[in-house]
Amino acid sequence: MYGHVEKLAEEIKKGAASIEGVEAKLWQVPETLPAEVLGKMGAPPKSDVPEITPSKLAEADGLIFGFPTRFGMMAAQFKAFLDSTGGLWRTQQLAGKPAGIFYSTGSQGGGQETTPLTAITQLAHHGMIFVPIGYTFGAGMFEMEQVKGGSPYGAGTFAGDGSRVPTELELAQAFHQGKYLATIAKKLKAAA
């Protein structure tokens, strides 16, 4: 809504594309809120990132899903999109694909761990392979001198009232996640 997830996504894309032979694409899910409501919420206009359709998911060798958090879970817009993937589920077209998760929350207690935990169910029902970043980001995972989003489940940021922007450390963690998942996806594809 305010661009925080998109900022992380851009870094994830850069990280994935830093692996030789990997092509990364950005997509956004369709908005479900009316323009009038978005205007009252102070949301800026949507970017020109193309909207995704469920069939595009089946074309990917790996996926990293990003979404804002609402009450400790993925935003309804993203859930609505995943609810539209029943055809892919029925035919298990996403089974075996590596997938990661990243997110934005409004506050430090706003779901940096509950959001990915509740989102993993979506991956499990599709038979996807959840790829958390664990502590592979190294010292950045143990940073205590500055506020930092993210967890072993994936990259994250804090949006506050919408005015806070992702920090360099949060962006570096997102880059790392993209690179990490792309490396794993490439290995799985080569082994198939």
N, C-alpha and C. Protein backbone atom coordinates (compact mmCIF):
# COMPACT_ATOMS: atom_id res chain seq x y z
N MET A 1 0.81 -1.20 0.00
CA MET A 1 0.00 0.00 0.00
C MET A 1 0.86 1.26 0.00
N TYR A 2 1.95 1.27 0.81
CA TYR A 2 2.78 2.47 0.89
C TYR A 2 4.14 2.30 0.24
N GLY A 3 4.40 1.12 -0.35
CA GLY A 3 5.63 0.90 -1.10
C GLY A 3 6.74 0.17 -0.36
N HIS A 4 6.51 -0.20 0.89
CA HIS A 4 7.57 -0.87 1.66
C HIS A 4 7.90 -2.25 1.11
N VAL A 5 6.89 -3.03 0.80
CA VAL A 5 7.10 -4.37 0.25
C VAL A 5 7.77 -4.25 -1.13
N GLU A 6 7.36 -3.27 -1.91
CA GLU A 6 7.96 -3.09 -3.23
C GLU A 6 9.44 -2.75 -3.13
N LYS A 7 9.82 -1.92 -2.16
CA LYS A 7 11.24 -1.59 -1.97
C LYS A 7 12.05 -2.85 -1.66
N LEU A 8 11.52 -3.68 -0.76
CA LEU A 8 12.20 -4.94 -0.45
C LEU A 8 12.24 -5.83 -1.68
N ALA A 9 11.14 -5.88 -2.44
CA ALA A 9 11.06 -6.72 -3.63
C ALA A 9 12.11 -6.32 -4.67
N GLU A 10 12.33 -5.03 -4.81
CA GLU A 10 13.34 -4.57 -5.76
C GLU A 10 14.72 -5.09 -5.38
N GLU A 11 15.02 -5.08 -4.09
CA GLU A 11 16.32 -5.60 -3.63
C GLU A 11 16.39 -7.11 -3.77
N ILE A 12 15.29 -7.79 -3.50
CA ILE A 12 15.25 -9.24 -3.67
C ILE A 12 15.51 -9.58 -5.14
N LYS A 13 14.89 -8.84 -6.03
CA LYS A 13 15.10 -9.06 -7.47
C LYS A 13 16.57 -8.87 -7.83
N LYS A 14 17.20 -7.83 -7.31
CA LYS A 14 18.62 -7.59 -7.58
C LYS A 14 19.46 -8.76 -7.06
N GLY A 15 19.13 -9.23 -5.87
CA GLY A 15 19.88 -10.35 -5.30
C GLY A 15 19.73 -11.60 -6.14
N ALA A 16 18.51 -11.90 -6.57
CA ALA A 16 18.28 -13.09 -7.39
C ALA A 16 19.00 -12.96 -8.73
N ALA A 17 18.93 -11.78 -9.34
CA ALA A 17 19.55 -11.56 -10.64
C ALA A 17 21.08 -11.56 -10.55
N SER A 18 21.64 -11.46 -9.34
CA SER A 18 23.09 -11.49 -9.20
C SER A 18 23.66 -12.90 -9.37
N ILE A 19 22.78 -13.89 -9.43
CA ILE A 19 23.20 -15.27 -9.67
C ILE A 19 23.19 -15.52 -11.17
N GLU A 20 24.31 -15.96 -11.68
CA GLU A 20 24.44 -16.18 -13.12
C GLU A 20 23.36 -17.13 -13.64
N GLY A 21 22.72 -16.71 -14.72
CA GLY A 21 21.70 -17.53 -15.36
C GLY A 21 20.31 -17.40 -14.77
N VAL A 22 20.15 -16.53 -13.78
CA VAL A 22 18.84 -16.36 -13.14
C VAL A 22 18.18 -15.09 -13.66
N GLU A 23 16.93 -15.21 -14.06
CA GLU A 23 16.11 -14.05 -14.45
C GLU A 23 15.06 -13.87 -13.38
N ALA A 24 14.96 -12.68 -12.84
CA ALA A 24 13.98 -12.39 -11.79
C ALA A 24 12.97 -11.37 -12.31
N LYS A 25 11.71 -11.55 -11.93
CA LYS A 25 10.63 -10.65 -12.34
C LYS A 25 9.84 -10.19 -11.13
N LEU A 26 9.35 -8.97 -11.19
CA LEU A 26 8.47 -8.43 -10.16
C LEU A 26 7.04 -8.42 -10.67
N TRP A 27 6.11 -8.77 -9.79
CA TRP A 27 4.69 -8.73 -10.07
C TRP A 27 3.98 -8.19 -8.83
N GLN A 28 2.80 -7.67 -9.02
CA GLN A 28 1.98 -7.30 -7.87
C GLN A 28 0.60 -7.93 -8.03
N VAL A 29 -0.01 -8.23 -6.89
CA VAL A 29 -1.35 -8.82 -6.92
C VAL A 29 -2.38 -7.71 -7.15
N PRO A 30 -3.55 -8.07 -7.66
CA PRO A 30 -4.58 -7.05 -7.88
C PRO A 30 -5.03 -6.41 -6.56
N GLU A 31 -5.29 -5.14 -6.62
CA GLU A 31 -5.81 -4.40 -5.46
C GLU A 31 -7.28 -4.73 -5.30
N THR A 32 -7.71 -4.89 -4.07
CA THR A 32 -9.12 -5.21 -3.80
C THR A 32 -9.87 -4.03 -3.19
N LEU A 33 -9.15 -3.02 -2.74
CA LEU A 33 -9.81 -1.86 -2.14
C LEU A 33 -10.19 -0.84 -3.20
N PRO A 34 -11.34 -0.20 -3.07
CA PRO A 34 -11.74 0.84 -4.02
C PRO A 34 -10.80 2.05 -3.92
N ALA A 35 -10.65 2.77 -5.02
CA ALA A 35 -9.78 3.95 -5.07
C ALA A 35 -10.17 4.97 -3.99
N GLU A 36 -11.45 5.10 -3.72
CA GLU A 36 -11.92 6.05 -2.71
C GLU A 36 -11.35 5.70 -1.33
N VAL A 37 -11.35 4.43 -0.99
CA VAL A 37 -10.83 3.98 0.31
C VAL A 37 -9.32 4.20 0.36
N LEU A 38 -8.64 3.84 -0.72
CA LEU A 38 -7.19 4.04 -0.77
C LEU A 38 -6.83 5.51 -0.59
N GLY A 39 -7.62 6.39 -1.22
CA GLY A 39 -7.39 7.83 -1.08
C GLY A 39 -7.54 8.29 0.36
N LYS A 40 -8.55 7.79 1.05
CA LYS A 40 -8.75 8.16 2.46
C LYS A 40 -7.63 7.63 3.35
N MET A 41 -6.99 6.55 2.92
CA MET A 41 -5.89 5.97 3.68
C MET A 41 -4.56 6.66 3.38
N GLY A 42 -4.56 7.56 2.42
CA GLY A 42 -3.34 8.27 2.04
C GLY A 42 -2.37 7.41 1.24
N ALA A 43 -2.88 6.38 0.59
CA ALA A 43 -2.02 5.51 -0.21
C ALA A 43 -1.61 6.20 -1.50
N PRO A 44 -0.33 6.14 -1.85
CA PRO A 44 0.10 6.72 -3.12
C PRO A 44 -0.40 5.87 -4.28
N PRO A 45 -0.33 6.39 -5.50
CA PRO A 45 -0.74 5.60 -6.66
C PRO A 45 0.10 4.32 -6.78
N LYS A 46 -0.48 3.28 -7.33
CA LYS A 46 0.23 2.03 -7.54
C LYS A 46 1.35 2.23 -8.56
N SER A 47 2.40 1.45 -8.41
CA SER A 47 3.52 1.54 -9.35
C SER A 47 3.15 0.87 -10.66
N ASP A 48 4.05 0.91 -11.60
CA ASP A 48 3.79 0.31 -12.91
C ASP A 48 4.21 -1.16 -12.98
N VAL A 49 4.51 -1.77 -11.84
CA VAL A 49 4.81 -3.21 -11.81
C VAL A 49 3.56 -3.94 -12.28
N PRO A 50 3.69 -4.87 -13.24
CA PRO A 50 2.50 -5.54 -13.77
C PRO A 50 1.81 -6.42 -12.73
N GLU A 51 0.50 -6.58 -12.91
CA GLU A 51 -0.27 -7.46 -12.04
C GLU A 51 -0.07 -8.91 -12.48
N ILE A 52 -0.03 -9.79 -11.52
CA ILE A 52 0.17 -11.20 -11.79
C ILE A 52 -1.16 -11.94 -11.89
N THR A 53 -1.14 -13.00 -12.65
CA THR A 53 -2.27 -13.94 -12.70
C THR A 53 -1.74 -15.26 -12.15
N PRO A 54 -2.61 -16.10 -11.62
CA PRO A 54 -2.13 -17.37 -11.06
C PRO A 54 -1.28 -18.21 -12.00
N SER A 55 -1.60 -18.22 -13.29
CA SER A 55 -0.85 -19.06 -14.23
C SER A 55 0.63 -18.70 -14.28
N LYS A 56 0.96 -17.44 -14.01
CA LYS A 56 2.37 -17.01 -14.03
C LYS A 56 3.18 -17.74 -12.94
N LEU A 57 2.55 -18.09 -11.83
CA LEU A 57 3.26 -18.78 -10.75
C LEU A 57 3.81 -20.12 -11.23
N ALA A 58 3.04 -20.81 -12.05
CA ALA A 58 3.46 -22.13 -12.54
C ALA A 58 4.68 -22.04 -13.46
N GLU A 59 4.91 -20.89 -14.05
CA GLU A 59 6.05 -20.73 -14.97
C GLU A 59 7.37 -20.54 -14.25
N ALA A 60 7.33 -20.18 -12.99
CA ALA A 60 8.55 -19.85 -12.24
C ALA A 60 9.25 -21.10 -11.71
N ASP A 61 10.57 -21.02 -11.59
CA ASP A 61 11.35 -22.09 -10.98
C ASP A 61 11.43 -21.91 -9.47
N GLY A 62 11.16 -20.71 -8.98
CA GLY A 62 11.16 -20.39 -7.56
C GLY A 62 10.39 -19.11 -7.36
N LEU A 63 9.86 -18.92 -6.16
CA LEU A 63 9.02 -17.75 -5.88
C LEU A 63 9.36 -17.18 -4.51
N ILE A 64 9.29 -15.87 -4.41
CA ILE A 64 9.41 -15.21 -3.11
C ILE A 64 8.20 -14.28 -3.01
N PHE A 65 7.34 -14.58 -2.06
CA PHE A 65 6.10 -13.83 -1.88
C PHE A 65 6.29 -12.75 -0.82
N GLY A 66 5.89 -11.53 -1.15
CA GLY A 66 5.99 -10.43 -0.20
C GLY A 66 4.65 -9.75 -0.02
N PHE A 67 4.38 -9.36 1.21
CA PHE A 67 3.10 -8.72 1.50
C PHE A 67 3.19 -7.92 2.79
N PRO A 68 2.33 -6.90 2.90
CA PRO A 68 2.21 -6.21 4.18
C PRO A 68 1.41 -7.06 5.15
N THR A 69 1.55 -6.75 6.40
CA THR A 69 0.86 -7.48 7.45
C THR A 69 -0.36 -6.70 7.93
N ARG A 70 -1.41 -7.43 8.16
CA ARG A 70 -2.61 -6.87 8.79
C ARG A 70 -2.97 -7.78 9.95
N PHE A 71 -2.86 -7.25 11.15
CA PHE A 71 -3.18 -8.00 12.36
C PHE A 71 -2.43 -9.32 12.45
N GLY A 72 -1.13 -9.30 12.14
CA GLY A 72 -0.27 -10.47 12.28
C GLY A 72 -0.37 -11.49 11.19
N MET A 73 -1.05 -11.15 10.08
CA MET A 73 -1.19 -12.08 8.96
C MET A 73 -1.03 -11.31 7.65
N MET A 74 -0.91 -12.06 6.54
CA MET A 74 -0.79 -11.39 5.24
C MET A 74 -2.02 -10.54 4.97
N ALA A 75 -1.84 -9.46 4.25
CA ALA A 75 -2.94 -8.57 3.88
C ALA A 75 -3.97 -9.31 3.04
N ALA A 76 -5.21 -8.89 3.15
CA ALA A 76 -6.33 -9.54 2.46
C ALA A 76 -6.14 -9.58 0.94
N GLN A 77 -5.51 -8.56 0.38
CA GLN A 77 -5.31 -8.53 -1.06
C GLN A 77 -4.48 -9.74 -1.50
N PHE A 78 -3.43 -10.03 -0.74
CA PHE A 78 -2.58 -11.15 -1.10
C PHE A 78 -3.29 -12.48 -0.85
N LYS A 79 -4.02 -12.55 0.24
CA LYS A 79 -4.78 -13.77 0.54
C LYS A 79 -5.82 -14.02 -0.55
N ALA A 80 -6.48 -12.96 -1.03
CA ALA A 80 -7.46 -13.11 -2.10
C ALA A 80 -6.79 -13.67 -3.36
N PHE A 81 -5.59 -13.19 -3.66
CA PHE A 81 -4.87 -13.72 -4.81
C PHE A 81 -4.57 -15.20 -4.62
N LEU A 82 -4.06 -15.57 -3.46
CA LEU A 82 -3.75 -16.98 -3.22
C LEU A 82 -5.01 -17.84 -3.25
N ASP A 83 -6.12 -17.28 -2.80
CA ASP A 83 -7.39 -18.01 -2.87
C ASP A 83 -7.79 -18.30 -4.32
N SER A 84 -7.27 -17.53 -5.25
CA SER A 84 -7.60 -17.73 -6.67
C SER A 84 -6.70 -18.77 -7.34
N THR A 85 -5.82 -19.41 -6.56
CA THR A 85 -4.89 -20.39 -7.15
C THR A 85 -5.39 -21.83 -6.99
N GLY A 86 -6.68 -22.01 -6.78
CA GLY A 86 -7.25 -23.35 -6.61
C GLY A 86 -6.96 -24.29 -7.77
N GLY A 87 -6.97 -23.77 -8.99
CA GLY A 87 -6.68 -24.60 -10.15
C GLY A 87 -5.25 -25.13 -10.12
N LEU A 88 -4.32 -24.29 -9.68
CA LEU A 88 -2.93 -24.73 -9.55
C LEU A 88 -2.80 -25.77 -8.44
N TRP A 89 -3.53 -25.56 -7.36
CA TRP A 89 -3.51 -26.51 -6.24
C TRP A 89 -4.07 -27.87 -6.67
N ARG A 90 -5.20 -27.83 -7.36
CA ARG A 90 -5.87 -29.06 -7.78
C ARG A 90 -4.94 -29.92 -8.64
N THR A 91 -4.14 -29.29 -9.47
CA THR A 91 -3.23 -30.02 -10.36
C THR A 91 -1.80 -30.04 -9.83
N GLN A 92 -1.58 -29.48 -8.64
CA GLN A 92 -0.27 -29.46 -7.97
C GLN A 92 0.84 -28.91 -8.87
N GLN A 93 0.53 -27.84 -9.58
CA GLN A 93 1.51 -27.22 -10.48
C GLN A 93 2.62 -26.47 -9.75
N LEU A 94 2.42 -26.18 -8.46
CA LEU A 94 3.45 -25.47 -7.70
C LEU A 94 4.25 -26.42 -6.80
N ALA A 95 3.85 -27.67 -6.76
CA ALA A 95 4.51 -28.65 -5.90
C ALA A 95 5.99 -28.77 -6.26
N GLY A 96 6.82 -28.75 -5.23
CA GLY A 96 8.26 -28.89 -5.41
C GLY A 96 9.00 -27.61 -5.73
N LYS A 97 8.28 -26.52 -5.93
CA LYS A 97 8.95 -25.24 -6.21
C LYS A 97 9.44 -24.63 -4.90
N PRO A 98 10.68 -24.13 -4.86
CA PRO A 98 11.15 -23.44 -3.66
C PRO A 98 10.46 -22.08 -3.54
N ALA A 99 10.10 -21.72 -2.32
CA ALA A 99 9.41 -20.44 -2.09
C ALA A 99 9.86 -19.80 -0.80
N GLY A 100 9.99 -18.49 -0.83
CA GLY A 100 10.33 -17.71 0.34
C GLY A 100 9.24 -16.70 0.62
N ILE A 101 9.36 -16.04 1.77
CA ILE A 101 8.37 -15.07 2.22
C ILE A 101 9.10 -13.85 2.78
N PHE A 102 8.58 -12.65 2.47
CA PHE A 102 9.06 -11.43 3.11
C PHE A 102 7.88 -10.53 3.38
N TYR A 103 8.05 -9.51 4.21
CA TYR A 103 6.89 -8.81 4.74
C TYR A 103 7.25 -7.45 5.31
N SER A 104 6.21 -6.68 5.55
CA SER A 104 6.31 -5.38 6.19
C SER A 104 5.25 -5.33 7.29
N THR A 105 5.64 -4.81 8.44
CA THR A 105 4.67 -4.65 9.52
C THR A 105 4.67 -3.20 9.98
N GLY A 106 3.59 -2.83 10.64
CA GLY A 106 3.46 -1.46 11.11
C GLY A 106 4.26 -1.18 12.38
N SER A 107 4.58 -2.23 13.14
CA SER A 107 5.30 -2.02 14.40
C SER A 107 6.16 -3.25 14.70
N GLN A 108 7.00 -3.11 15.71
CA GLN A 108 7.90 -4.21 16.06
C GLN A 108 7.15 -5.43 16.56
N GLY A 109 6.02 -5.24 17.19
CA GLY A 109 5.22 -6.37 17.65
C GLY A 109 4.12 -6.72 16.69
N GLY A 110 4.20 -6.23 15.46
CA GLY A 110 3.10 -6.35 14.52
C GLY A 110 3.07 -7.57 13.63
N GLY A 111 3.95 -8.55 13.85
CA GLY A 111 3.84 -9.76 13.07
C GLY A 111 5.07 -10.17 12.29
N GLN A 112 6.26 -9.75 12.68
CA GLN A 112 7.46 -10.13 11.94
C GLN A 112 7.68 -11.65 11.94
N GLU A 113 7.11 -12.37 12.90
CA GLU A 113 7.19 -13.83 12.88
C GLU A 113 5.84 -14.48 12.64
N THR A 114 4.75 -13.90 13.17
CA THR A 114 3.45 -14.53 12.95
C THR A 114 3.02 -14.46 11.49
N THR A 115 3.38 -13.41 10.80
CA THR A 115 3.00 -13.28 9.40
C THR A 115 3.58 -14.41 8.55
N PRO A 116 4.91 -14.65 8.60
CA PRO A 116 5.41 -15.78 7.80
C PRO A 116 4.90 -17.13 8.32
N LEU A 117 4.76 -17.28 9.62
CA LEU A 117 4.26 -18.56 10.15
C LEU A 117 2.87 -18.87 9.63
N THR A 118 2.00 -17.88 9.59
CA THR A 118 0.65 -18.12 9.09
C THR A 118 0.62 -18.24 7.58
N ALA A 119 1.60 -17.68 6.89
CA ALA A 119 1.66 -17.76 5.43
C ALA A 119 2.21 -19.10 4.94
N ILE A 120 2.96 -19.77 5.77
CA ILE A 120 3.54 -21.05 5.38
C ILE A 120 2.45 -22.06 5.02
N THR A 121 1.28 -21.94 5.63
CA THR A 121 0.20 -22.88 5.31
C THR A 121 -0.16 -22.84 3.83
N GLN A 122 -0.08 -21.66 3.23
CA GLN A 122 -0.38 -21.53 1.80
C GLN A 122 0.62 -22.35 0.98
N LEU A 123 1.89 -22.25 1.36
CA LEU A 123 2.93 -22.99 0.65
C LEU A 123 2.75 -24.49 0.83
N ALA A 124 2.43 -24.90 2.05
CA ALA A 124 2.27 -26.33 2.35
C ALA A 124 1.15 -26.95 1.54
N HIS A 125 0.04 -26.27 1.42
CA HIS A 125 -1.09 -26.83 0.67
C HIS A 125 -0.77 -26.97 -0.82
N HIS A 126 0.14 -26.14 -1.30
CA HIS A 126 0.56 -26.23 -2.69
C HIS A 126 1.72 -27.22 -2.87
N GLY A 127 2.25 -27.73 -1.77
CA GLY A 127 3.38 -28.66 -1.87
C GLY A 127 4.69 -27.98 -2.20
N MET A 128 4.76 -26.67 -1.94
CA MET A 128 5.98 -25.93 -2.21
C MET A 128 7.01 -26.20 -1.12
N ILE A 129 8.26 -25.92 -1.41
CA ILE A 129 9.34 -26.11 -0.45
C ILE A 129 9.66 -24.75 0.16
N PHE A 130 9.34 -24.58 1.44
CA PHE A 130 9.61 -23.31 2.11
C PHE A 130 11.11 -23.18 2.33
N VAL A 131 11.66 -22.06 1.89
CA VAL A 131 13.09 -21.77 2.04
C VAL A 131 13.24 -20.54 2.93
N PRO A 132 13.41 -20.75 4.23
CA PRO A 132 13.66 -19.61 5.11
C PRO A 132 15.11 -19.16 4.95
N ILE A 133 15.41 -17.94 5.35
CA ILE A 133 16.81 -17.51 5.26
C ILE A 133 17.61 -17.96 6.48
N GLY A 134 16.90 -18.41 7.52
CA GLY A 134 17.62 -18.83 8.72
C GLY A 134 18.50 -17.71 9.23
N TYR A 135 19.72 -18.04 9.56
CA TYR A 135 20.69 -17.03 10.00
C TYR A 135 21.81 -16.87 8.99
N THR A 136 21.51 -17.19 7.71
CA THR A 136 22.51 -17.11 6.66
C THR A 136 22.93 -15.68 6.33
N PHE A 137 22.18 -14.71 6.81
CA PHE A 137 22.53 -13.30 6.60
C PHE A 137 23.67 -12.89 7.52
N GLY A 138 24.08 -13.77 8.41
CA GLY A 138 25.24 -13.52 9.26
C GLY A 138 25.02 -12.46 10.32
N ALA A 139 26.01 -11.59 10.48
CA ALA A 139 25.99 -10.60 11.55
C ALA A 139 24.77 -9.69 11.48
N GLY A 140 24.23 -9.48 10.29
CA GLY A 140 23.05 -8.63 10.15
C GLY A 140 21.85 -9.17 10.90
N MET A 141 21.82 -10.47 11.13
CA MET A 141 20.71 -11.07 11.88
C MET A 141 20.79 -10.75 13.36
N PHE A 142 21.97 -10.41 13.83
CA PHE A 142 22.19 -10.19 15.26
C PHE A 142 22.29 -8.71 15.62
N GLU A 143 22.00 -7.84 14.66
CA GLU A 143 22.08 -6.39 14.88
C GLU A 143 21.17 -5.96 16.01
N MET A 144 21.70 -5.25 16.98
CA MET A 144 20.91 -4.78 18.12
C MET A 144 20.99 -3.27 18.32
N GLU A 145 21.78 -2.58 17.52
CA GLU A 145 21.96 -1.14 17.70
C GLU A 145 20.94 -0.31 16.93
N GLN A 146 20.28 -0.91 15.98
CA GLN A 146 19.27 -0.19 15.21
C GLN A 146 18.03 -1.07 15.06
N VAL A 147 16.92 -0.42 14.85
CA VAL A 147 15.67 -1.15 14.63
C VAL A 147 15.79 -1.83 13.27
N LYS A 148 15.46 -3.12 13.23
CA LYS A 148 15.58 -3.88 11.99
C LYS A 148 14.46 -4.90 11.90
N GLY A 149 13.78 -4.91 10.78
CA GLY A 149 12.77 -5.91 10.53
C GLY A 149 13.40 -7.19 10.02
N GLY A 150 12.56 -8.18 9.79
CA GLY A 150 13.04 -9.46 9.29
C GLY A 150 13.23 -10.46 10.42
N SER A 151 13.38 -11.71 10.02
CA SER A 151 13.57 -12.80 10.98
C SER A 151 14.16 -13.97 10.21
N PRO A 152 14.41 -15.09 10.89
CA PRO A 152 14.91 -16.25 10.15
C PRO A 152 13.95 -16.73 9.05
N TYR A 153 12.69 -16.30 9.10
CA TYR A 153 11.71 -16.70 8.10
C TYR A 153 11.89 -15.95 6.79
N GLY A 154 12.36 -14.70 6.87
CA GLY A 154 12.53 -13.91 5.66
C GLY A 154 12.82 -12.46 5.96
N ALA A 155 13.10 -11.70 4.93
CA ALA A 155 13.39 -10.28 5.07
C ALA A 155 12.13 -9.53 5.49
N GLY A 156 12.34 -8.44 6.19
CA GLY A 156 11.20 -7.65 6.63
C GLY A 156 11.60 -6.21 6.91
N THR A 157 10.58 -5.38 7.04
CA THR A 157 10.79 -3.98 7.38
C THR A 157 9.62 -3.51 8.23
N PHE A 158 9.82 -2.38 8.87
CA PHE A 158 8.76 -1.74 9.64
C PHE A 158 8.28 -0.51 8.89
N ALA A 159 6.98 -0.38 8.75
CA ALA A 159 6.42 0.75 8.02
C ALA A 159 5.99 1.89 8.95
N GLY A 160 5.73 1.58 10.21
CA GLY A 160 5.20 2.60 11.11
C GLY A 160 3.88 3.10 10.57
N ASP A 161 3.72 4.40 10.49
CA ASP A 161 2.49 4.99 9.96
C ASP A 161 2.52 5.08 8.43
N GLY A 162 3.53 4.48 7.84
CA GLY A 162 3.71 4.51 6.38
C GLY A 162 4.85 5.41 5.95
N SER A 163 5.35 6.25 6.87
CA SER A 163 6.38 7.21 6.50
C SER A 163 7.80 6.67 6.67
N ARG A 164 7.99 5.63 7.48
CA ARG A 164 9.32 5.06 7.66
C ARG A 164 9.70 4.30 6.40
N VAL A 165 10.94 4.41 5.97
CA VAL A 165 11.40 3.68 4.79
C VAL A 165 12.34 2.57 5.23
N PRO A 166 12.47 1.51 4.43
CA PRO A 166 13.39 0.43 4.78
C PRO A 166 14.82 0.95 4.93
N THR A 167 15.51 0.45 5.94
CA THR A 167 16.89 0.86 6.20
C THR A 167 17.84 0.12 5.26
N GLU A 168 19.08 0.57 5.22
CA GLU A 168 20.09 -0.09 4.40
C GLU A 168 20.26 -1.55 4.85
N LEU A 169 20.20 -1.80 6.15
CA LEU A 169 20.34 -3.16 6.66
C LEU A 169 19.17 -4.03 6.22
N GLU A 170 17.96 -3.49 6.28
CA GLU A 170 16.78 -4.24 5.82
C GLU A 170 16.86 -4.53 4.32
N LEU A 171 17.34 -3.56 3.55
CA LEU A 171 17.50 -3.75 2.12
C LEU A 171 18.58 -4.79 1.81
N ALA A 172 19.66 -4.77 2.59
CA ALA A 172 20.73 -5.76 2.40
C ALA A 172 20.22 -7.16 2.71
N GLN A 173 19.37 -7.28 3.73
CA GLN A 173 18.81 -8.58 4.05
C GLN A 173 17.90 -9.06 2.91
N ALA A 174 17.16 -8.17 2.31
CA ALA A 174 16.30 -8.52 1.17
C ALA A 174 17.15 -8.98 -0.01
N PHE A 175 18.22 -8.26 -0.31
CA PHE A 175 19.13 -8.66 -1.39
C PHE A 175 19.65 -10.07 -1.11
N HIS A 176 20.06 -10.30 0.12
CA HIS A 176 20.56 -11.63 0.51
C HIS A 176 19.50 -12.70 0.29
N GLN A 177 18.25 -12.43 0.66
CA GLN A 177 17.20 -13.42 0.49
C GLN A 177 17.02 -13.77 -0.98
N GLY A 178 17.01 -12.77 -1.85
CA GLY A 178 16.88 -13.03 -3.27
C GLY A 178 18.01 -13.89 -3.80
N LYS A 179 19.22 -13.57 -3.41
CA LYS A 179 20.39 -14.33 -3.84
C LYS A 179 20.35 -15.76 -3.30
N TYR A 180 19.96 -15.88 -2.05
CA TYR A 180 19.92 -17.19 -1.39
C TYR A 180 18.89 -18.11 -2.05
N LEU A 181 17.67 -17.61 -2.24
CA LEU A 181 16.64 -18.45 -2.85
C LEU A 181 16.97 -18.77 -4.31
N ALA A 182 17.51 -17.81 -5.03
CA ALA A 182 17.87 -18.06 -6.43
C ALA A 182 18.95 -19.14 -6.54
N THR A 183 19.88 -19.15 -5.62
CA THR A 183 20.92 -20.19 -5.61
C THR A 183 20.29 -21.56 -5.41
N ILE A 184 19.36 -21.66 -4.49
CA ILE A 184 18.69 -22.93 -4.21
C ILE A 184 17.81 -23.36 -5.38
N ALA A 185 17.06 -22.42 -5.94
CA ALA A 185 16.20 -22.73 -7.10
C ALA A 185 17.03 -23.22 -8.27
N LYS A 186 18.17 -22.58 -8.49
CA LYS A 186 19.05 -22.98 -9.60
C LYS A 186 19.56 -24.41 -9.38
N LYS A 187 19.95 -24.72 -8.15
CA LYS A 187 20.44 -26.08 -7.84
C LYS A 187 19.34 -27.11 -8.04
N LEU A 188 18.13 -26.80 -7.58
CA LEU A 188 17.02 -27.74 -7.74
C LEU A 188 16.68 -27.96 -9.22
N LYS A 189 16.71 -26.89 -9.99
CA LYS A 189 16.40 -27.02 -11.42
C LYS A 189 17.46 -27.87 -12.11
N ALA A 190 18.74 -27.66 -11.75
CA ALA A 190 19.82 -28.42 -12.37
C ALA A 190 19.74 -29.91 -12.01
N ALA A 191 19.22 -30.21 -10.83
CA ALA A 191 19.13 -31.59 -10.38
C ALA A 191 17.93 -32.33 -10.98
N ALA A 192 16.99 -31.59 -11.53
CA ALA A 192 15.75 -32.21 -12.05
C ALA A 192 15.97 -32.93 -13.36
